[in-house]
PDB file of N, CA and C in Angstrom:
ATOM      1  N   UNK A   1      37.882 142.066  -8.978  1.00  0.00           N
ATOM      2  CA  UNK A   1      38.163 141.043  -7.994  1.00  0.00           C
ATOM      3  C   UNK A   1      37.675 139.680  -8.481  1.00  0.00           C
ATOM      4  N   UNK A   2      36.466 139.636  -9.018  1.00  0.00           N
ATOM      5  CA  UNK A   2      35.921 138.377  -9.512  1.00  0.00           C
ATOM      6  C   UNK A   2      36.772 137.840 -10.653  1.00  0.00           C
ATOM      7  N   UNK A   3      37.235 138.716 -11.534  1.00  0.00           N
ATOM      8  CA  UNK A   3      38.071 138.282 -12.648  1.00  0.00           C
ATOM      9  C   UNK A   3      39.361 137.663 -12.135  1.00  0.00           C
ATOM     10  N   UNK A   4      39.981 138.283 -11.138  1.00  0.00           N
ATOM     11  CA  UNK A   4      41.213 137.731 -10.565  1.00  0.00           C
ATOM     12  C   UNK A   4      40.957 136.357  -9.956  1.00  0.00           C
ATOM     13  N   UNK A   5      39.844 136.229  -9.233  1.00  0.00           N
ATOM     14  CA  UNK A   5      39.501 134.948  -8.625  1.00  0.00           C
ATOM     15  C   UNK A   5      39.303 133.887  -9.701  1.00  0.00           C
ATOM     16  N   UNK A   6      38.574 134.240 -10.745  1.00  0.00           N
ATOM     17  CA  UNK A   6      38.361 133.295 -11.841  1.00  0.00           C
ATOM     18  C   UNK A   6      39.677 132.941 -12.516  1.00  0.00           C
ATOM     19  N   UNK A   7      40.562 133.916 -12.606  1.00  0.00           N
ATOM     20  CA  UNK A   7      41.875 133.654 -13.186  1.00  0.00           C
ATOM     21  C   UNK A   7      42.673 132.659 -12.362  1.00  0.00           C
ATOM     22  N   UNK A   8      42.593 132.782 -11.045  1.00  0.00           N
ATOM     23  CA  UNK A   8      43.280 131.847 -10.157  1.00  0.00           C
ATOM     24  C   UNK A   8      42.709 130.444 -10.331  1.00  0.00           C
ATOM     25  N   UNK A   9      41.389 130.350 -10.343  1.00  0.00           N
ATOM     26  CA  UNK A   9      40.736 129.050 -10.528  1.00  0.00           C
ATOM     27  C   UNK A   9      41.111 128.469 -11.892  1.00  0.00           C
ATOM     28  N   UNK A  10      41.065 129.304 -12.912  1.00  0.00           N
ATOM     29  CA  UNK A  10      41.393 128.836 -14.264  1.00  0.00           C
ATOM     30  C   UNK A  10      42.833 128.352 -14.332  1.00  0.00           C
ATOM     31  N   UNK A  11      43.744 129.088 -13.716  1.00  0.00           N
ATOM     32  CA  UNK A  11      45.149 128.691 -13.734  1.00  0.00           C
ATOM     33  C   UNK A  11      45.347 127.360 -13.020  1.00  0.00           C
ATOM     34  N   UNK A  12      44.673 127.194 -11.911  1.00  0.00           N
ATOM     35  CA  UNK A  12      44.801 125.944 -11.158  1.00  0.00           C
ATOM     36  C   UNK A  12      44.277 124.764 -11.957  1.00  0.00           C
ATOM     37  N   UNK A  13      43.129 124.930 -12.566  1.00  0.00           N
ATOM     38  CA  UNK A  13      42.547 123.820 -13.323  1.00  0.00           C
ATOM     39  C   UNK A  13      43.263 123.609 -14.646  1.00  0.00           C
ATOM     40  N   UNK A  14      43.841 124.661 -15.170  1.00  0.00           N
ATOM     41  CA  UNK A  14      44.559 124.579 -16.437  1.00  0.00           C
ATOM     42  C   UNK A  14      45.636 123.514 -16.391  1.00  0.00           C
ATOM     43  N   UNK A  15      46.401 123.505 -15.323  1.00  0.00           N
ATOM     44  CA  UNK A  15      47.514 122.580 -15.227  1.00  0.00           C
ATOM     45  C   UNK A  15      47.148 121.303 -14.489  1.00  0.00           C
ATOM     46  N   UNK A  16      46.190 121.372 -13.593  1.00  0.00           N
ATOM     47  CA  UNK A  16      45.782 120.175 -12.857  1.00  0.00           C
ATOM     48  C   UNK A  16      45.064 119.184 -13.756  1.00  0.00           C
ATOM     49  N   UNK A  17      44.386 119.665 -14.769  1.00  0.00           N
ATOM     50  CA  UNK A  17      43.608 118.776 -15.636  1.00  0.00           C
ATOM     51  C   UNK A  17      44.472 117.914 -16.536  1.00  0.00           C
ATOM     52  N   UNK A  18      45.733 118.205 -16.596  1.00  0.00           N
ATOM     53  CA  UNK A  18      46.594 117.504 -17.536  1.00  0.00           C
ATOM     54  C   UNK A  18      47.018 116.117 -17.065  1.00  0.00           C
ATOM     55  N   UNK A  19      46.963 115.849 -15.792  1.00  0.00           N
ATOM     56  CA  UNK A  19      47.396 114.556 -15.290  1.00  0.00           C
ATOM     57  C   UNK A  19      48.906 114.514 -15.141  1.00  0.00           C
ATOM     58  N   UNK A  20      49.485 113.304 -15.120  1.00  0.00           N
ATOM     59  CA  UNK A  20      50.914 113.162 -14.872  1.00  0.00           C
ATOM     60  C   UNK A  20      51.797 113.915 -15.866  1.00  0.00           C
ATOM     61  N   UNK A  21      51.369 114.037 -17.099  1.00  0.00           N
ATOM     62  CA  UNK A  21      52.198 114.711 -18.102  1.00  0.00           C
ATOM     63  C   UNK A  21      52.303 116.206 -17.863  1.00  0.00           C
ATOM     64  N   UNK A  22      51.480 116.749 -16.973  1.00  0.00           N
ATOM     65  CA  UNK A  22      51.485 118.195 -16.756  1.00  0.00           C
ATOM     66  C   UNK A  22      52.817 118.695 -16.227  1.00  0.00           C
ATOM     67  N   UNK A  23      53.629 117.825 -15.664  1.00  0.00           N
ATOM     68  CA  UNK A  23      54.939 118.243 -15.177  1.00  0.00           C
ATOM     69  C   UNK A  23      55.781 118.818 -16.313  1.00  0.00           C
ATOM     70  N   UNK A  24      55.506 118.401 -17.546  1.00  0.00           N
ATOM     71  CA  UNK A  24      56.240 118.928 -18.691  1.00  0.00           C
ATOM     72  C   UNK A  24      55.961 120.404 -18.923  1.00  0.00           C
ATOM     73  N   UNK A  25      54.820 120.865 -18.455  1.00  0.00           N
ATOM     74  CA  UNK A  25      54.417 122.251 -18.680  1.00  0.00           C
ATOM     75  C   UNK A  25      54.529 123.069 -17.399  1.00  0.00           C
ATOM     76  N   UNK A  26      55.321 122.606 -16.466  1.00  0.00           N
ATOM     77  CA  UNK A  26      55.465 123.334 -15.217  1.00  0.00           C
ATOM     78  C   UNK A  26      56.935 123.561 -14.915  1.00  0.00           C
ATOM     79  N   UNK A  27      57.181 124.664 -14.263  1.00  0.00           N
ATOM     80  CA  UNK A  27      58.515 124.982 -13.783  1.00  0.00           C
ATOM     81  C   UNK A  27      58.328 125.967 -12.646  1.00  0.00           C
ATOM     82  N   UNK A  28      59.358 126.158 -11.856  1.00  0.00           N
ATOM     83  CA  UNK A  28      59.265 127.112 -10.751  1.00  0.00           C
ATOM     84  C   UNK A  28      58.957 128.506 -11.293  1.00  0.00           C
ATOM     85  N   UNK A  29      59.575 128.841 -12.420  1.00  0.00           N
ATOM     86  CA  UNK A  29      59.364 130.153 -13.043  1.00  0.00           C
ATOM     87  C   UNK A  29      57.907 130.325 -13.479  1.00  0.00           C
ATOM     88  N   UNK A  30      57.367 129.308 -14.115  1.00  0.00           N
ATOM     89  CA  UNK A  30      55.982 129.360 -14.582  1.00  0.00           C
ATOM     90  C   UNK A  30      55.011 129.388 -13.410  1.00  0.00           C
ATOM     91  N   UNK A  31      55.263 128.546 -12.405  1.00  0.00           N
ATOM     92  CA  UNK A  31      54.405 128.531 -11.215  1.00  0.00           C
ATOM     93  C   UNK A  31      54.402 129.890 -10.522  1.00  0.00           C
ATOM     94  N   UNK A  32      55.572 130.519 -10.417  1.00  0.00           N
ATOM     95  CA  UNK A  32      55.663 131.832  -9.771  1.00  0.00           C
ATOM     96  C   UNK A  32      54.887 132.880 -10.557  1.00  0.00           C
ATOM     97  N   UNK A  33      54.984 132.843 -11.868  1.00  0.00           N
ATOM     98  CA  UNK A  33      54.250 133.808 -12.695  1.00  0.00           C
ATOM     99  C   UNK A  33      52.748 133.655 -12.496  1.00  0.00           C
ATOM    100  N   UNK A  34      52.271 132.412 -12.443  1.00  0.00           N
ATOM    101  CA  UNK A  34      50.831 132.177 -12.241  1.00  0.00           C
ATOM    102  C   UNK A  34      50.419 132.630 -10.846  1.00  0.00           C
ATOM    103  N   UNK A  35      51.209 132.239  -9.838  1.00  0.00           N
ATOM    104  CA  UNK A  35      50.884 132.608  -8.456  1.00  0.00           C
ATOM    105  C   UNK A  35      50.834 134.120  -8.266  1.00  0.00           C
ATOM    106  N   UNK A  36      51.695 134.836  -8.989  1.00  0.00           N
ATOM    107  CA  UNK A  36      51.760 136.301  -8.872  1.00  0.00           C
ATOM    108  C   UNK A  36      50.849 137.015  -9.865  1.00  0.00           C
ATOM    109  N   UNK A  37      50.006 136.239 -10.575  1.00  0.00           N
ATOM    110  CA  UNK A  37      49.059 136.798 -11.553  1.00  0.00           C
ATOM    111  C   UNK A  37      49.765 137.512 -12.699  1.00  0.00           C
ATOM    112  N   UNK A  38      50.971 137.071 -13.015  1.00  0.00           N
ATOM    113  CA  UNK A  38      51.697 137.608 -14.173  1.00  0.00           C
ATOM    114  C   UNK A  38      51.410 136.692 -15.355  1.00  0.00           C
ATOM    115  N   UNK A  39      50.162 136.746 -15.783  1.00  0.00           N
ATOM    116  CA  UNK A  39      49.701 135.821 -16.809  1.00  0.00           C
ATOM    117  C   UNK A  39      50.375 136.047 -18.153  1.00  0.00           C
ATOM    118  N   UNK A  40      50.804 137.273 -18.427  1.00  0.00           N
ATOM    119  CA  UNK A  40      51.506 137.523 -19.687  1.00  0.00           C
ATOM    120  C   UNK A  40      52.826 136.760 -19.722  1.00  0.00           C
ATOM    121  N   UNK A  41      53.548 136.752 -18.605  1.00  0.00           N
ATOM    122  CA  UNK A  41      54.790 135.979 -18.520  1.00  0.00           C
ATOM    123  C   UNK A  41      54.506 134.490 -18.636  1.00  0.00           C
ATOM    124  N   UNK A  42      53.455 134.053 -17.947  1.00  0.00           N
ATOM    125  CA  UNK A  42      53.087 132.636 -17.990  1.00  0.00           C
ATOM    126  C   UNK A  42      52.756 132.220 -19.420  1.00  0.00           C
ATOM    127  N   UNK A  43      51.985 133.036 -20.111  1.00  0.00           N
ATOM    128  CA  UNK A  43      51.604 132.698 -21.483  1.00  0.00           C
ATOM    129  C   UNK A  43      52.824 132.646 -22.400  1.00  0.00           C
ATOM    130  N   UNK A  44      53.754 133.557 -22.212  1.00  0.00           N
ATOM    131  CA  UNK A  44      54.973 133.545 -23.023  1.00  0.00           C
ATOM    132  C   UNK A  44      55.705 132.216 -22.863  1.00  0.00           C
ATOM    133  N   UNK A  45      55.867 131.773 -21.620  1.00  0.00           N
ATOM    134  CA  UNK A  45      56.569 130.507 -21.356  1.00  0.00           C
ATOM    135  C   UNK A  45      55.763 129.314 -21.870  1.00  0.00           C
ATOM    136  N   UNK A  46      54.467 129.329 -21.641  1.00  0.00           N
ATOM    137  CA  UNK A  46      53.612 128.231 -22.097  1.00  0.00           C
ATOM    138  C   UNK A  46      53.669 128.126 -23.621  1.00  0.00           C
ATOM    139  N   UNK A  47      53.652 129.261 -24.301  1.00  0.00           N
ATOM    140  CA  UNK A  47      53.711 129.239 -25.772  1.00  0.00           C
ATOM    141  C   UNK A  47      55.045 128.689 -26.266  1.00  0.00           C
ATOM    142  N   UNK A  48      56.136 129.023 -25.579  1.00  0.00           N
ATOM    143  CA  UNK A  48      57.437 128.480 -25.969  1.00  0.00           C
ATOM    144  C   UNK A  48      57.418 126.957 -25.899  1.00  0.00           C
ATOM    145  N   UNK A  49      56.887 126.436 -24.798  1.00  0.00           N
ATOM    146  CA  UNK A  49      56.818 124.986 -24.626  1.00  0.00           C
ATOM    147  C   UNK A  49      55.822 124.364 -25.597  1.00  0.00           C
ATOM    148  N   UNK A  50      54.722 125.056 -25.844  1.00  0.00           N
ATOM    149  CA  UNK A  50      53.719 124.561 -26.795  1.00  0.00           C
ATOM    150  C   UNK A  50      54.320 124.470 -28.194  1.00  0.00           C
ATOM    151  N   UNK A  51      55.041 125.496 -28.590  1.00  0.00           N
ATOM    152  CA  UNK A  51      55.668 125.498 -29.913  1.00  0.00           C
ATOM    153  C   UNK A  51      56.759 124.432 -30.029  1.00  0.00           C
ATOM    154  N   UNK A  52      57.296 124.010 -28.874  1.00  0.00           N
ATOM    155  CA  UNK A  52      58.296 122.938 -28.859  1.00  0.00           C
ATOM    156  C   UNK A  52      57.641 121.559 -28.892  1.00  0.00           C
ATOM    157  N   UNK A  53      56.291 121.532 -28.862  1.00  0.00           N
ATOM    158  CA  UNK A  53      55.582 120.266 -29.024  1.00  0.00           C
ATOM    159  C   UNK A  53      55.032 119.628 -27.768  1.00  0.00           C
ATOM    160  N   UNK A  54      54.992 120.343 -26.650  1.00  0.00           N
ATOM    161  CA  UNK A  54      54.476 119.778 -25.396  1.00  0.00           C
ATOM    162  C   UNK A  54      52.951 119.899 -25.397  1.00  0.00           C
ATOM    163  N   UNK A  55      52.229 118.759 -25.494  1.00  0.00           N
ATOM    164  CA  UNK A  55      50.773 118.806 -25.659  1.00  0.00           C
ATOM    165  C   UNK A  55      50.021 119.533 -24.547  1.00  0.00           C
ATOM    166  N   UNK A  56      50.404 119.325 -23.278  1.00  0.00           N
ATOM    167  CA  UNK A  56      49.652 120.007 -22.228  1.00  0.00           C
ATOM    168  C   UNK A  56      49.907 121.506 -22.242  1.00  0.00           C
ATOM    169  N   UNK A  57      51.059 121.927 -22.737  1.00  0.00           N
ATOM    170  CA  UNK A  57      51.304 123.361 -22.900  1.00  0.00           C
ATOM    171  C   UNK A  57      50.535 123.904 -24.098  1.00  0.00           C
ATOM    172  N   UNK A  58      50.355 123.075 -25.108  1.00  0.00           N
ATOM    173  CA  UNK A  58      49.531 123.483 -26.249  1.00  0.00           C
ATOM    174  C   UNK A  58      48.103 123.723 -25.779  1.00  0.00           C
ATOM    175  N   UNK A  59      47.605 122.809 -24.942  1.00  0.00           N
ATOM    176  CA  UNK A  59      46.254 122.978 -24.402  1.00  0.00           C
ATOM    177  C   UNK A  59      46.189 124.227 -23.522  1.00  0.00           C
ATOM    178  N   UNK A  60      47.194 124.407 -22.662  1.00  0.00           N
ATOM    179  CA  UNK A  60      47.213 125.558 -21.761  1.00  0.00           C
ATOM    180  C   UNK A  60      47.225 126.868 -22.550  1.00  0.00           C
ATOM    181  N   UNK A  61      48.063 126.946 -23.581  1.00  0.00           N
ATOM    182  CA  UNK A  61      48.105 128.153 -24.414  1.00  0.00           C
ATOM    183  C   UNK A  61      46.759 128.371 -25.085  1.00  0.00           C
ATOM    184  N   UNK A  62      46.172 127.291 -25.579  1.00  0.00           N
ATOM    185  CA  UNK A  62      44.857 127.393 -26.215  1.00  0.00           C
ATOM    186  C   UNK A  62      43.796 127.918 -25.272  1.00  0.00           C
ATOM    187  N   UNK A  63      43.809 127.429 -24.046  1.00  0.00           N
ATOM    188  CA  UNK A  63      42.820 127.886 -23.065  1.00  0.00           C
ATOM    189  C   UNK A  63      43.034 129.347 -22.687  1.00  0.00           C
ATOM    190  N   UNK A  64      44.284 129.714 -22.450  1.00  0.00           N
ATOM    191  CA  UNK A  64      44.561 131.100 -22.070  1.00  0.00           C
ATOM    192  C   UNK A  64      44.144 132.056 -23.179  1.00  0.00           C
ATOM    193  N   UNK A  65      44.415 131.675 -24.421  1.00  0.00           N
ATOM    194  CA  UNK A  65      44.061 132.543 -25.543  1.00  0.00           C
ATOM    195  C   UNK A  65      42.577 132.475 -25.875  1.00  0.00           C
ATOM    196  N   UNK A  66      41.947 131.376 -25.560  1.00  0.00           N
ATOM    197  CA  UNK A  66      40.504 131.249 -25.806  1.00  0.00           C
ATOM    198  C   UNK A  66      39.714 132.150 -24.866  1.00  0.00           C
ATOM    199  N   UNK A  67      40.086 132.146 -23.599  1.00  0.00           N
ATOM    200  CA  UNK A  67      39.301 132.877 -22.605  1.00  0.00           C
ATOM    201  C   UNK A  67      39.857 134.263 -22.294  1.00  0.00           C
ATOM    202  N   UNK A  68      41.098 134.511 -22.601  1.00  0.00           N
ATOM    203  CA  UNK A  68      41.697 135.837 -22.490  1.00  0.00           C
ATOM    204  C   UNK A  68      41.281 136.640 -21.281  1.00  0.00           C
ATOM    205  N   UNK A  69      40.787 137.834 -21.545  1.00  0.00           N
ATOM    206  CA  UNK A  69      40.426 138.788 -20.500  1.00  0.00           C
ATOM    207  C   UNK A  69      39.369 138.250 -19.541  1.00  0.00           C
ATOM    208  N   UNK A  70      38.508 137.372 -20.034  1.00  0.00           N
ATOM    209  CA  UNK A  70      37.426 136.851 -19.185  1.00  0.00           C
ATOM    210  C   UNK A  70      37.968 136.154 -17.949  1.00  0.00           C
ATOM    211  N   UNK A  71      39.095 135.478 -18.084  1.00  0.00           N
ATOM    212  CA  UNK A  71      39.651 134.747 -16.948  1.00  0.00           C
ATOM    213  C   UNK A  71      40.997 135.267 -16.471  1.00  0.00           C
ATOM    214  N   UNK A  72      41.733 135.935 -17.338  1.00  0.00           N
ATOM    215  CA  UNK A  72      43.099 136.305 -17.000  1.00  0.00           C
ATOM    216  C   UNK A  72      43.322 137.808 -16.898  1.00  0.00           C
ATOM    217  N   UNK A  73      42.274 138.588 -16.884  1.00  0.00           N
ATOM    218  CA  UNK A  73      42.417 140.024 -16.760  1.00  0.00           C
ATOM    219  C   UNK A  73      42.944 140.661 -18.036  1.00  0.00           C
ATOM    220  N   UNK A  74      43.303 141.911 -17.930  1.00  0.00           N
ATOM    221  CA  UNK A  74      43.662 142.688 -19.112  1.00  0.00           C
ATOM    222  C   UNK A  74      44.998 142.285 -19.733  1.00  0.00           C
ATOM    223  N   UNK A  75      45.787 141.477 -19.032  1.00  0.00           N
ATOM    224  CA  UNK A  75      47.096 141.087 -19.560  1.00  0.00           C
ATOM    225  C   UNK A  75      47.002 140.151 -20.760  1.00  0.00           C
ATOM    226  N   UNK A  76      45.973 139.330 -20.783  1.00  0.00           N
ATOM    227  CA  UNK A  76      45.850 138.322 -21.838  1.00  0.00           C
ATOM    228  C   UNK A  76      44.643 138.654 -22.699  1.00  0.00           C
ATOM    229  N   UNK A  77      44.893 138.919 -23.957  1.00  0.00           N
ATOM    230  CA  UNK A  77      43.805 139.226 -24.879  1.00  0.00           C
ATOM    231  C   UNK A  77      43.372 137.951 -25.591  1.00  0.00           C
ATOM    232  N   UNK A  78      42.081 137.738 -25.636  1.00  0.00           N
ATOM    233  CA  UNK A  78      41.553 136.562 -26.326  1.00  0.00           C
ATOM    234  C   UNK A  78      41.952 136.623 -27.797  1.00  0.00           C
ATOM    235  N   UNK A  79      42.355 135.492 -28.311  1.00  0.00           N
ATOM    236  CA  UNK A  79      42.730 135.377 -29.718  1.00  0.00           C
ATOM    237  C   UNK A  79      42.195 134.035 -30.206  1.00  0.00           C
ATOM    238  N   UNK A  80      40.948 134.020 -30.685  1.00  0.00           N
ATOM    239  CA  UNK A  80      40.313 132.761 -31.071  1.00  0.00           C
ATOM    240  C   UNK A  80      41.084 131.974 -32.130  1.00  0.00           C
ATOM    241  N   UNK A  81      41.731 132.663 -33.045  1.00  0.00           N
ATOM    242  CA  UNK A  81      42.473 131.978 -34.107  1.00  0.00           C
ATOM    243  C   UNK A  81      43.673 131.236 -33.515  1.00  0.00           C
ATOM    244  N   UNK A  82      44.451 131.935 -32.691  1.00  0.00           N
ATOM    245  CA  UNK A  82      45.611 131.295 -32.067  1.00  0.00           C
ATOM    246  C   UNK A  82      45.183 130.238 -31.054  1.00  0.00           C
ATOM    247  N   UNK A  83      44.094 130.489 -30.335  1.00  0.00           N
ATOM    248  CA  UNK A  83      43.584 129.503 -29.380  1.00  0.00           C
ATOM    249  C   UNK A  83      43.264 128.204 -30.101  1.00  0.00           C
ATOM    250  N   UNK A  84      42.567 128.318 -31.201  1.00  0.00           N
ATOM    251  CA  UNK A  84      42.202 127.124 -31.975  1.00  0.00           C
ATOM    252  C   UNK A  84      43.450 126.409 -32.501  1.00  0.00           C
ATOM    253  N   UNK A  85      44.415 127.175 -32.950  1.00  0.00           N
ATOM    254  CA  UNK A  85      45.651 126.577 -33.472  1.00  0.00           C
ATOM    255  C   UNK A  85      46.336 125.727 -32.402  1.00  0.00           C
ATOM    256  N   UNK A  86      46.468 126.276 -31.196  1.00  0.00           N
ATOM    257  CA  UNK A  86      47.115 125.520 -30.121  1.00  0.00           C
ATOM    258  C   UNK A  86      46.276 124.319 -29.691  1.00  0.00           C
ATOM    259  N   UNK A  87      44.969 124.489 -29.617  1.00  0.00           N
ATOM    260  CA  UNK A  87      44.114 123.364 -29.242  1.00  0.00           C
ATOM    261  C   UNK A  87      44.163 122.265 -30.298  1.00  0.00           C
ATOM    262  N   UNK A  88      44.222 122.641 -31.561  1.00  0.00           N
ATOM    263  CA  UNK A  88      44.341 121.639 -32.627  1.00  0.00           C
ATOM    264  C   UNK A  88      45.675 120.900 -32.542  1.00  0.00           C
ATOM    265  N   UNK A  89      46.734 121.622 -32.196  1.00  0.00           N
ATOM    266  CA  UNK A  89      48.036 120.978 -32.022  1.00  0.00           C
ATOM    267  C   UNK A  89      47.956 119.924 -30.919  1.00  0.00           C
ATOM    268  N   UNK A  90      47.324 120.293 -29.800  1.00  0.00           N
ATOM    269  CA  UNK A  90      47.188 119.358 -28.679  1.00  0.00           C
ATOM    270  C   UNK A  90      46.304 118.178 -29.063  1.00  0.00           C
ATOM    271  N   UNK A  91      45.208 118.459 -29.741  1.00  0.00           N
ATOM    272  CA  UNK A  91      44.281 117.394 -30.143  1.00  0.00           C
ATOM    273  C   UNK A  91      44.967 116.390 -31.074  1.00  0.00           C
ATOM    274  N   UNK A  92      45.800 116.883 -31.970  1.00  0.00           N
ATOM    275  CA  UNK A  92      46.514 115.993 -32.898  1.00  0.00           C
ATOM    276  C   UNK A  92      47.481 115.067 -32.173  1.00  0.00           C
ATOM    277  N   UNK A  93      47.870 115.462 -30.964  1.00  0.00           N
ATOM    278  CA  UNK A  93      48.761 114.617 -30.162  1.00  0.00           C
ATOM    279  C   UNK A  93      47.972 113.766 -29.167  1.00  0.00           C
ATOM    280  N   UNK A  94      46.652 113.753 -29.312  1.00  0.00           N
ATOM    281  CA  UNK A  94      45.828 112.876 -28.488  1.00  0.00           C
ATOM    282  C   UNK A  94      45.286 113.481 -27.213  1.00  0.00           C
ATOM    283  N   UNK A  95      45.352 114.791 -27.057  1.00  0.00           N
ATOM    284  CA  UNK A  95      44.822 115.429 -25.850  1.00  0.00           C
ATOM    285  C   UNK A  95      43.294 115.438 -25.911  1.00  0.00           C
ATOM    286  N   UNK A  96      42.664 114.578 -25.111  1.00  0.00           N
ATOM    287  CA  UNK A  96      41.205 114.417 -25.145  1.00  0.00           C
ATOM    288  C   UNK A  96      40.479 115.690 -24.722  1.00  0.00           C
ATOM    289  N   UNK A  97      41.037 116.429 -23.780  1.00  0.00           N
ATOM    290  CA  UNK A  97      40.405 117.667 -23.330  1.00  0.00           C
ATOM    291  C   UNK A  97      40.358 118.678 -24.474  1.00  0.00           C
ATOM    292  N   UNK A  98      41.443 118.786 -25.219  1.00  0.00           N
ATOM    293  CA  UNK A  98      41.488 119.698 -26.369  1.00  0.00           C
ATOM    294  C   UNK A  98      40.486 119.266 -27.431  1.00  0.00           C
ATOM    295  N   UNK A  99      40.367 117.973 -27.645  1.00  0.00           N
ATOM    296  CA  UNK A  99      39.389 117.460 -28.616  1.00  0.00           C
ATOM    297  C   UNK A  99      37.981 117.880 -28.209  1.00  0.00           C
ATOM    298  N   UNK A 100      37.649 117.724 -26.920  1.00  0.00           N
ATOM    299  CA  UNK A 100      36.311 118.112 -26.436  1.00  0.00           C
ATOM    300  C   UNK A 100      36.085 119.616 -26.572  1.00  0.00           C
ATOM    301  N   UNK A 101      37.098 120.406 -26.267  1.00  0.00           N
ATOM    302  CA  UNK A 101      36.951 121.860 -26.401  1.00  0.00           C
ATOM    303  C   UNK A 101      36.709 122.264 -27.848  1.00  0.00           C
ATOM    304  N   UNK A 102      37.413 121.644 -28.755  1.00  0.00           N
ATOM    305  CA  UNK A 102      37.242 121.971 -30.170  1.00  0.00           C
ATOM    306  C   UNK A 102      35.860 121.578 -30.672  1.00  0.00           C
ATOM    307  N   UNK A 103      35.283 120.557 -30.071  1.00  0.00           N
ATOM    308  CA  UNK A 103      33.947 120.107 -30.478  1.00  0.00           C
ATOM    309  C   UNK A 103      32.846 121.020 -29.940  1.00  0.00           C
ATOM    310  N   UNK A 104      33.151 121.752 -28.864  1.00  0.00           N
ATOM    311  CA  UNK A 104      32.172 122.668 -28.261  1.00  0.00           C
ATOM    312  C   UNK A 104      32.022 123.920 -29.092  1.00  0.00           C
ATOM    313  N   UNK A 105      30.841 124.461 -29.055  1.00  0.00           N
ATOM    314  CA  UNK A 105      30.602 125.752 -29.723  1.00  0.00           C
ATOM    315  C   UNK A 105      30.284 126.779 -28.652  1.00  0.00           C
ATOM    316  N   UNK A 106      30.907 127.939 -28.788  1.00  0.00           N
ATOM    317  CA  UNK A 106      30.618 129.031 -27.843  1.00  0.00           C
ATOM    318  C   UNK A 106      30.130 130.222 -28.598  1.00  0.00           C
TER     319      UNK A 106
END
């Protein structure tokens, strides 16, 4: 239950932190997947947009892959290598949040 709650909070902050540009990483389909806790579907869509060069989706993919099971339940497996790759992509496009995350050590 706590993991699901944290996943909801993480999903909400994931996209809210992006500011006005976050609309590029949102769609009715993506919102529905997040609302229904279908994080695997959400990650698939976010990765497609991230690979197409959308910085806030790059950050979102990086966060989902960085925290994996801790925040998104068993559907999303943490992948530090891929998380870093997406965060670096976002940082190279000027995403300050991604830059700060990359500077942090966990």
